[in-house]
């Protein structure tokens, strides 16, 4: 979160149009006037580049640091002839912050309240809204902690705990490391809870084991299953910080039907920055089937970075993350679900063209309840995005209720050998 906003890398023309119509540049300029983070100490930045084993690395501690362990999915190491002989491994993702007091949050809440037009002095007359905004702003205010290490206890069996010291956090305060956790006889769907070692209170994640075969769902979040208004800068701020999150009508029932019919492994792929992980995870766990939430690992030194995360380079980011999922689960049958606000059609079309036998269906929700969607919802946009993709693979829908039958048809595509 110390790094300055970068130039618009990988931004496509459609994203430029969205930013222009949604007033993103003006709102970002207003937000950038209030930097959210103090500069990260230089030694921490240097240490993050040197790897573990160098004298600058410091262990994170509960007095000074806040650590998030992100839920994940264990998979069998690619390669080998027989699935059951492949060892399990998992990508551990953790975020490390330096703690800052809540008294420093107020000015940022006030800035956002002003940007979205909340009446009153940052909503002092509405304590619930003020507290909600403060809670969601806090992860943007806490400074990141590069160059810090953590260790995990990973319980594999009733009496077996694997101890792992992870690589130090990078310049974004993130630890991301693939860890082999052994074992060949862990059943599909098993859940364990790795936790921080030497910590004064429990900090854990949920790890679900997923076998090489079966169904896999890749779902977008914003405006696919959660109302966000990603085409409007003020709308993003309002739904992200001030409002109680609302699911898209019909989608919880549809996802419940998918979960019961296909028993898939779930991945929620969002362009949101990782600062929103607690907020989005809580929402998903309350409304939708549990799964791994994948977020952008960039950090920003001002609140405008949130809006950039939604509107710049989203197609390239999502294709890159889906390529990783393909490397983990090349034999799974994949259903991609997204919407028309961002670049989901283009990203899903591209991943199908790269891996035709991997993606079995693409569902795109045509968003009609937010502004600036006329061009994005034109038929020619979808035809171009899905060029080379058979019409039997992709569908555009407005009402989720219409797609229960589509899920039933997918269930007929059962081949245990693929």
Protein backbone atom coordinates (compact mmCIF):
# COMPACT_ATOMS: atom_id res chain seq x y z
CA UNK A 1 0.00 0.00 0.00
CA UNK A 2 3.02 2.30 -0.09
CA UNK A 3 3.32 2.33 -3.85
CA UNK A 4 1.99 5.17 -5.95
CA UNK A 5 -0.73 4.56 -8.53
CA UNK A 6 0.80 3.21 -11.72
CA UNK A 7 0.02 4.07 -15.27
CA UNK A 8 -2.93 2.28 -16.81
CA UNK A 9 -1.25 -0.98 -17.61
CA UNK A 10 -3.30 -3.47 -19.65
CA UNK A 11 -6.26 -1.06 -19.75
CA UNK A 12 -8.47 -1.91 -22.72
CA UNK A 13 -10.70 0.55 -24.64
CA UNK A 14 -13.84 -0.70 -22.89
CA UNK A 15 -12.28 0.09 -19.52
CA UNK A 16 -11.33 3.57 -20.70
CA UNK A 17 -14.94 4.14 -21.72
CA UNK A 18 -16.21 2.91 -18.35
CA UNK A 19 -13.88 5.25 -16.50
CA UNK A 20 -14.97 8.21 -18.60
CA UNK A 21 -18.70 7.55 -18.24
CA UNK A 22 -18.46 6.67 -14.55
CA UNK A 23 -16.58 9.83 -13.49
CA UNK A 24 -13.68 7.80 -12.14
CA UNK A 25 -10.87 10.28 -12.76
CA UNK A 26 -12.59 13.10 -10.86
CA UNK A 27 -13.50 10.95 -7.86
CA UNK A 28 -10.03 9.40 -7.76
CA UNK A 29 -8.47 12.86 -7.73
CA UNK A 30 -10.61 13.84 -4.75
CA UNK A 31 -9.72 10.67 -2.86
CA UNK A 32 -6.00 10.90 -3.64
CA UNK A 33 -5.77 14.14 -1.69
CA UNK A 34 -5.98 12.11 1.52
CA UNK A 35 -3.18 9.49 1.59
CA UNK A 36 -4.25 6.57 3.74
CA UNK A 37 -0.89 5.22 4.75
CA UNK A 38 2.33 6.45 6.26
CA UNK A 39 5.43 5.42 4.37
CA UNK A 40 6.58 1.91 5.12
CA UNK A 41 10.03 1.81 6.79
CA UNK A 42 12.78 1.51 4.18
CA UNK A 43 14.40 -1.49 5.88
CA UNK A 44 11.16 -3.41 5.57
CA UNK A 45 10.98 -2.69 1.86
CA UNK A 46 14.60 -3.77 1.32
CA UNK A 47 14.10 -6.92 3.39
CA UNK A 48 11.13 -7.94 1.27
CA UNK A 49 13.42 -8.31 -1.76
CA UNK A 50 16.12 -10.34 -0.04
CA UNK A 51 14.14 -13.46 0.87
CA UNK A 52 14.18 -15.43 4.08
CA UNK A 53 17.48 -16.03 5.81
CA UNK A 54 18.66 -12.42 5.59
CA UNK A 55 19.24 -10.46 8.83
CA UNK A 56 16.68 -7.76 8.00
CA UNK A 57 13.72 -10.13 8.21
CA UNK A 58 11.72 -9.73 11.41
CA UNK A 59 9.03 -12.08 12.75
CA UNK A 60 5.53 -10.63 12.90
CA UNK A 61 4.14 -10.35 16.42
CA UNK A 62 0.60 -9.88 17.79
CA UNK A 63 1.48 -6.68 19.65
CA UNK A 64 2.50 -4.75 16.54
CA UNK A 65 0.95 -6.61 13.63
CA UNK A 66 -2.38 -7.76 12.28
CA UNK A 67 -2.24 -10.92 10.13
CA UNK A 68 -4.87 -12.32 7.80
CA UNK A 69 -4.70 -15.92 6.63
CA UNK A 70 -6.79 -16.27 3.47
CA UNK A 71 -8.89 -19.39 2.92
CA UNK A 72 -7.52 -21.64 0.20
CA UNK A 73 -7.90 -24.89 -1.72
CA UNK A 74 -5.41 -27.76 -1.60
CA UNK A 75 -4.73 -29.64 -4.82
CA UNK A 76 -2.67 -32.61 -5.85
CA UNK A 77 0.70 -31.71 -7.35
CA UNK A 78 0.48 -31.80 -11.15
CA UNK A 79 2.27 -34.64 -12.88
CA UNK A 80 2.30 -38.33 -12.28
CA UNK A 81 0.17 -41.00 -13.84
CA UNK A 82 -2.17 -41.78 -10.97
CA UNK A 83 -4.11 -39.13 -9.05
CA UNK A 84 -3.97 -40.96 -5.74
CA UNK A 85 -0.16 -41.03 -5.74
CA UNK A 86 0.23 -37.28 -6.14
CA UNK A 87 1.08 -35.36 -2.99
CA UNK A 88 -1.11 -32.50 -1.81
CA UNK A 89 0.03 -28.90 -1.94
CA UNK A 90 -1.58 -25.53 -1.33
CA UNK A 91 -0.87 -21.87 -2.00
CA UNK A 92 -0.69 -20.06 1.33
CA UNK A 93 -1.62 -16.37 1.12
CA UNK A 94 -1.27 -14.12 4.16
CA UNK A 95 -1.43 -10.34 4.60
CA UNK A 96 0.58 -8.57 7.29
CA UNK A 97 -0.25 -5.06 8.52
CA UNK A 98 1.19 -2.71 11.11
CA UNK A 99 -1.55 -1.87 13.57
CA UNK A 100 -2.89 1.67 13.63
CA UNK A 101 -5.47 3.13 15.95
CA UNK A 102 -9.09 3.61 14.96
CA UNK A 103 -8.78 7.31 15.81
CA UNK A 104 -6.88 7.74 12.53
CA UNK A 105 -9.77 6.36 10.49
CA UNK A 106 -12.17 9.28 10.97
CA UNK A 107 -10.75 11.61 8.34
CA UNK A 108 -10.86 8.89 5.71
CA UNK A 109 -14.45 8.06 6.58
CA UNK A 110 -15.24 11.76 6.21
CA UNK A 111 -13.59 11.90 2.78
CA UNK A 112 -15.58 8.94 1.49
CA UNK A 113 -18.80 10.24 3.03
CA UNK A 114 -18.29 13.52 1.22
CA UNK A 115 -17.51 11.76 -2.08
CA UNK A 116 -20.70 9.68 -1.99
CA UNK A 117 -22.90 12.51 -0.72
CA UNK A 118 -23.80 11.25 2.73
CA UNK A 119 -25.73 13.93 4.59
CA UNK A 120 -24.45 15.24 7.90
CA UNK A 121 -21.04 15.29 9.49
CA UNK A 122 -19.81 11.86 8.27
CA UNK A 123 -23.17 10.47 9.32
CA UNK A 124 -22.78 11.21 13.01
CA UNK A 125 -26.53 10.91 13.33
CA UNK A 126 -26.30 7.33 12.09
CA UNK A 127 -23.91 5.44 14.34
CA UNK A 128 -24.43 2.16 12.52
CA UNK A 129 -23.37 3.60 9.15
CA UNK A 130 -20.38 5.39 10.69
CA UNK A 131 -19.14 2.23 12.43
CA UNK A 132 -19.65 0.18 9.28
CA UNK A 133 -17.57 2.62 7.23
CA UNK A 134 -14.82 2.75 9.85
CA UNK A 135 -14.55 -1.05 9.92
CA UNK A 136 -14.23 -1.30 6.15
CA UNK A 137 -11.82 1.62 5.83
CA UNK A 138 -9.45 0.29 8.50
CA UNK A 139 -7.58 -2.16 6.19
CA UNK A 140 -6.80 0.74 3.85
CA UNK A 141 -5.43 2.77 6.74
CA UNK A 142 -3.23 0.17 8.40
CA UNK A 143 0.24 0.34 6.87
CA UNK A 144 1.60 -2.81 5.31
CA UNK A 145 4.51 -4.75 6.82
CA UNK A 146 6.95 -5.98 4.16
CA UNK A 147 9.90 -8.08 5.20
CA UNK A 148 8.15 -9.92 8.03
CA UNK A 149 7.86 -13.66 8.55
CA UNK A 150 5.22 -15.95 9.99
CA UNK A 151 5.04 -19.66 10.77
CA UNK A 152 2.09 -22.01 10.51
CA UNK A 153 0.82 -25.15 12.17
CA UNK A 154 -0.93 -27.27 9.51
CA UNK A 155 -2.97 -30.15 10.97
CA UNK A 156 -3.04 -32.97 8.43
CA UNK A 157 -4.35 -35.75 10.64
CA UNK A 158 -5.58 -36.13 14.19
CA UNK A 159 -2.05 -36.48 15.58
CA UNK A 160 -0.02 -34.96 12.74
CA UNK A 161 0.80 -31.27 12.55
CA UNK A 162 3.14 -29.92 9.89
CA UNK A 163 5.14 -26.85 10.93
CA UNK A 164 6.09 -24.43 8.17
CA UNK A 165 8.01 -21.16 8.28
CA UNK A 166 6.97 -19.12 5.26
CA UNK A 167 8.88 -16.74 3.05
CA UNK A 168 8.87 -13.09 4.21
CA UNK A 169 6.11 -10.73 3.13
CA UNK A 170 6.74 -8.90 -0.14
CA UNK A 171 6.64 -5.15 -0.73
CA UNK A 172 2.83 -5.28 -0.64
CA UNK A 173 2.85 -6.94 2.78
CA UNK A 174 1.75 -10.25 1.25
CA UNK A 175 3.08 -13.73 1.79
CA UNK A 176 2.32 -16.02 -1.14
CA UNK A 177 3.92 -19.44 -1.17
CA UNK A 178 3.06 -22.90 -2.42
CA UNK A 179 3.59 -25.44 0.35
CA UNK A 180 3.67 -29.21 0.00
CA UNK A 181 1.66 -30.73 2.81
CA UNK A 182 2.15 -34.38 1.89
CA UNK A 183 -0.35 -37.14 2.33
CA UNK A 184 -2.02 -39.14 -0.42
CA UNK A 185 -5.10 -40.43 1.33
CA UNK A 186 -6.95 -37.22 2.24
CA UNK A 187 -10.54 -37.48 0.92
CA UNK A 188 -11.94 -34.89 -1.45
CA UNK A 189 -13.77 -32.14 0.43
CA UNK A 190 -11.80 -32.54 3.66
CA UNK A 191 -11.41 -29.24 5.55
CA UNK A 192 -8.56 -28.32 7.90
CA UNK A 193 -7.67 -25.08 9.69
CA UNK A 194 -3.98 -24.10 9.55
CA UNK A 195 -3.12 -21.43 12.12
CA UNK A 196 -0.36 -19.04 13.13
CA UNK A 197 2.29 -20.43 15.45
CA UNK A 198 3.43 -18.50 18.53
CA UNK A 199 0.45 -16.12 18.41
CA UNK A 200 -1.42 -14.83 21.44
CA UNK A 201 -4.83 -15.54 19.91
CA UNK A 202 -6.13 -17.88 17.26
CA UNK A 203 -5.62 -16.74 13.65
CA UNK A 204 -6.52 -19.45 11.18
CA UNK A 205 -7.64 -20.14 7.65
CA UNK A 206 -9.84 -22.78 6.08
CA UNK A 207 -8.18 -25.18 3.65
CA UNK A 208 -10.41 -27.46 1.59
CA UNK A 209 -8.94 -30.43 -0.28
CA UNK A 210 -10.12 -30.76 -3.88
CA UNK A 211 -9.42 -33.82 -6.02
CA UNK A 212 -8.11 -33.49 -9.60
CA UNK A 213 -11.46 -34.34 -11.22
CA UNK A 214 -15.01 -33.10 -10.91
CA UNK A 215 -16.68 -29.72 -11.42
CA UNK A 216 -15.12 -26.35 -10.68
CA UNK A 217 -16.95 -23.01 -10.62
CA UNK A 218 -15.18 -19.72 -11.33
CA UNK A 219 -17.49 -16.91 -10.30
CA UNK A 220 -17.08 -13.17 -10.47
CA UNK A 221 -18.37 -11.27 -7.43
CA UNK A 222 -19.22 -7.64 -8.14
CA UNK A 223 -22.52 -7.23 -10.01
CA UNK A 224 -22.57 -10.96 -10.71
CA UNK A 225 -23.60 -12.08 -7.24
CA UNK A 226 -23.19 -8.85 -5.22
CA UNK A 227 -24.67 -5.46 -6.06
CA UNK A 228 -21.67 -3.09 -6.49
CA UNK A 229 -22.33 -0.69 -9.41
CA UNK A 230 -18.87 -1.20 -10.86
CA UNK A 231 -19.58 1.17 -13.75
CA UNK A 232 -19.94 4.16 -11.43
CA UNK A 233 -17.22 5.50 -9.12
CA UNK A 234 -19.59 6.86 -6.50
CA UNK A 235 -21.64 3.67 -6.66
CA UNK A 236 -18.57 1.55 -5.87
CA UNK A 237 -17.73 3.69 -2.84
CA UNK A 238 -21.29 3.69 -1.55
CA UNK A 239 -21.85 -0.08 -1.86
CA UNK A 240 -18.35 -0.93 -0.62
CA UNK A 241 -18.13 1.29 2.45
CA UNK A 242 -21.55 2.63 3.48
CA UNK A 243 -24.23 0.10 2.62
CA UNK A 244 -25.10 -3.38 3.81
CA UNK A 245 -24.07 -5.69 0.93
CA UNK A 246 -26.94 -6.96 -1.18
CA UNK A 247 -26.93 -10.18 -3.23
CA UNK A 248 -28.17 -10.10 -6.81
CA UNK A 249 -31.76 -11.31 -6.97
CA UNK A 250 -32.03 -15.01 -7.72
CA UNK A 251 -28.30 -15.75 -7.55
CA UNK A 252 -28.19 -17.29 -4.04
CA UNK A 253 -30.88 -19.77 -5.08
CA UNK A 254 -29.10 -20.50 -8.36
CA UNK A 255 -25.76 -21.08 -6.63
CA UNK A 256 -27.39 -23.34 -4.08
CA UNK A 257 -28.84 -25.36 -6.95
CA UNK A 258 -25.42 -25.56 -8.63
CA UNK A 259 -23.80 -26.66 -5.38
CA UNK A 260 -26.33 -29.45 -4.82
CA UNK A 261 -26.40 -30.60 -8.44
CA UNK A 262 -22.71 -30.53 -9.36
CA UNK A 263 -20.98 -30.59 -5.92
CA UNK A 264 -18.22 -28.40 -7.36
CA UNK A 265 -15.17 -26.71 -5.94
CA UNK A 266 -15.83 -22.95 -5.79
CA UNK A 267 -13.51 -20.07 -6.64
CA UNK A 268 -14.68 -16.47 -6.39
CA UNK A 269 -12.50 -14.31 -8.66
CA UNK A 270 -12.82 -10.59 -7.97
CA UNK A 271 -10.95 -7.51 -9.17
CA UNK A 272 -11.26 -5.99 -5.69
CA UNK A 273 -8.01 -5.28 -3.80
CA UNK A 274 -7.11 -7.64 -0.98
CA UNK A 275 -7.92 -4.92 1.59
CA UNK A 276 -11.58 -5.91 1.14
CA UNK A 277 -11.02 -9.57 2.01
CA UNK A 278 -12.77 -9.60 5.44
CA UNK A 279 -15.76 -7.69 4.09
CA UNK A 280 -16.22 -9.88 1.00
CA UNK A 281 -15.50 -13.15 2.78
CA UNK A 282 -18.15 -12.42 5.40
CA UNK A 283 -20.70 -11.58 2.71
CA UNK A 284 -19.96 -14.71 0.67
CA UNK A 285 -20.09 -17.01 3.67
CA UNK A 286 -23.48 -15.64 4.68
CA UNK A 287 -25.10 -16.00 1.26
CA UNK A 288 -23.21 -18.34 -1.09
CA UNK A 289 -21.46 -21.73 -1.06
CA UNK A 290 -18.03 -21.62 0.62
CA UNK A 291 -15.02 -21.32 -1.64
CA UNK A 292 -11.67 -19.65 -2.16
CA UNK A 293 -11.82 -15.88 -2.70
CA UNK A 294 -9.16 -14.59 -5.09
CA UNK A 295 -8.41 -10.85 -4.95
CA UNK A 296 -5.85 -8.54 -6.52
CA UNK A 297 -2.63 -8.43 -4.52
CA UNK A 298 -1.79 -4.80 -5.29
CA UNK A 299 -1.62 -2.23 -2.53
CA UNK A 300 -2.16 1.50 -2.81
CA UNK A 301 -1.14 4.57 -0.83
CA UNK A 302 -4.48 6.32 -1.33
CA UNK A 303 -8.16 5.41 -1.54
CA UNK A 304 -8.27 6.06 -5.29
CA UNK A 305 -6.49 2.74 -5.75
CA UNK A 306 -9.73 0.94 -4.92
CA UNK A 307 -11.43 2.39 -7.99
CA UNK A 308 -8.43 1.66 -10.19
CA UNK A 309 -8.53 -1.95 -9.07
CA UNK A 310 -12.08 -2.31 -10.42
CA UNK A 311 -11.44 -0.58 -13.75
CA UNK A 312 -7.87 -1.10 -14.96
CA UNK A 313 -6.40 -4.28 -16.36
CA UNK A 314 -9.17 -6.54 -15.09
CA UNK A 315 -9.19 -8.79 -18.16
CA UNK A 316 -5.45 -9.51 -18.00
CA UNK A 317 -5.64 -10.05 -14.24
CA UNK A 318 -8.52 -12.54 -14.47
CA UNK A 319 -6.98 -14.50 -17.34
CA UNK A 320 -3.73 -14.78 -15.37
CA UNK A 321 -5.52 -16.10 -12.29
CA UNK A 322 -7.56 -18.57 -14.33
CA UNK A 323 -4.37 -19.87 -15.92
CA UNK A 324 -3.13 -20.65 -12.43
CA UNK A 325 -6.34 -22.55 -11.67
CA UNK A 326 -5.87 -24.47 -14.90
CA UNK A 327 -2.39 -25.51 -13.80
CA UNK A 328 -3.82 -26.72 -10.49
CA UNK A 329 -6.89 -28.48 -11.89
CA UNK A 330 -6.33 -29.28 -15.59
CA UNK A 331 -8.75 -32.22 -15.49
CA UNK A 332 -11.66 -30.44 -13.83
CA UNK A 333 -14.79 -29.38 -15.74
CA UNK A 334 -15.15 -25.64 -15.42
CA UNK A 335 -18.16 -23.32 -15.41
CA UNK A 336 -17.41 -19.59 -15.62
CA UNK A 337 -20.04 -17.15 -14.31
CA UNK A 338 -19.75 -13.38 -14.69
CA UNK A 339 -21.54 -10.24 -15.80
CA UNK A 340 -21.43 -7.53 -18.42
CA UNK A 341 -20.15 -4.60 -16.31
CA UNK A 342 -16.44 -5.40 -16.46
CA UNK A 343 -14.47 -7.64 -18.82
CA UNK A 344 -15.82 -11.05 -17.80
CA UNK A 345 -17.02 -11.95 -21.34
CA UNK A 346 -13.63 -11.11 -22.83
CA UNK A 347 -11.67 -12.90 -20.08
CA UNK A 348 -13.83 -16.03 -20.21
CA UNK A 349 -13.74 -16.06 -24.00
CA UNK A 350 -9.95 -15.91 -23.91
CA UNK A 351 -9.56 -18.71 -21.37
CA UNK A 352 -11.88 -20.92 -23.44
CA UNK A 353 -9.84 -20.33 -26.60
CA UNK A 354 -6.71 -21.35 -24.69
CA UNK A 355 -8.24 -24.43 -23.02
CA UNK A 356 -11.25 -25.60 -25.03
CA UNK A 357 -11.70 -28.89 -23.19
CA UNK A 358 -11.47 -27.29 -19.76
CA UNK A 359 -14.32 -24.76 -19.91
CA UNK A 360 -17.70 -26.49 -20.29
CA UNK A 361 -20.02 -23.48 -19.89
CA UNK A 362 -19.95 -19.69 -19.61
CA UNK A 363 -22.86 -17.77 -18.10
CA UNK A 364 -22.92 -13.96 -18.33
CA UNK A 365 -25.46 -11.87 -16.45
CA UNK A 366 -26.62 -8.92 -18.54
CA UNK A 367 -26.67 -6.06 -16.01
CA UNK A 368 -29.57 -3.71 -16.63
CA UNK A 369 -30.01 -2.13 -13.20
CA UNK A 370 -26.99 0.21 -13.23
CA UNK A 371 -26.09 3.22 -15.39
CA UNK A 372 -23.80 3.38 -18.43
CA UNK A 373 -24.54 -0.15 -19.65
CA UNK A 374 -25.98 0.50 -23.12
CA UNK A 375 -22.83 -0.32 -25.12
CA UNK A 376 -21.71 -3.10 -22.80
CA UNK A 377 -25.01 -4.94 -23.27
CA UNK A 378 -25.10 -4.84 -27.06
CA UNK A 379 -25.15 -8.18 -28.84
CA UNK A 380 -22.10 -7.26 -30.92
CA UNK A 381 -20.03 -6.95 -27.73
CA UNK A 382 -20.80 -10.55 -26.71
CA UNK A 383 -20.32 -11.88 -30.26
CA UNK A 384 -16.88 -10.28 -30.39
CA UNK A 385 -15.91 -11.45 -26.90
CA UNK A 386 -16.89 -15.04 -27.66
CA UNK A 387 -15.43 -15.23 -31.14
CA UNK A 388 -14.36 -18.82 -31.69
CA UNK A 389 -16.45 -20.07 -28.76
CA UNK A 390 -19.34 -22.37 -29.74
CA UNK A 391 -22.77 -20.93 -29.04
CA UNK A 392 -23.56 -24.04 -27.04
CA UNK A 393 -20.93 -23.00 -24.50
CA UNK A 394 -21.90 -19.41 -23.65
CA UNK A 395 -25.18 -17.90 -22.53
CA UNK A 396 -26.25 -14.35 -21.64
CA UNK A 397 -29.09 -14.07 -19.13
CA UNK A 398 -30.99 -11.46 -17.16
CA UNK A 399 -33.05 -13.60 -14.79
CA UNK A 400 -31.20 -16.20 -12.73
CA UNK A 401 -34.35 -18.25 -12.41
CA UNK A 402 -34.08 -19.13 -16.09
CA UNK A 403 -30.81 -20.98 -15.59
CA UNK A 404 -31.74 -23.78 -13.26
CA UNK A 405 -32.50 -25.89 -16.31
CA UNK A 406 -29.04 -25.11 -17.75
CA UNK A 407 -27.47 -26.49 -14.59
CA UNK A 408 -29.51 -29.67 -14.88
CA UNK A 409 -28.23 -30.11 -18.42
CA UNK A 410 -24.64 -29.69 -17.24
CA UNK A 411 -25.13 -32.49 -14.76
CA UNK A 412 -25.65 -34.84 -17.68
CA UNK A 413 -22.08 -34.07 -18.76
CA UNK A 414 -20.65 -36.48 -16.23
CA UNK A 415 -17.47 -38.35 -17.15
CA UNK A 416 -15.55 -39.67 -14.16
CA UNK A 417 -12.42 -40.13 -16.28
CA UNK A 418 -12.08 -36.42 -17.06
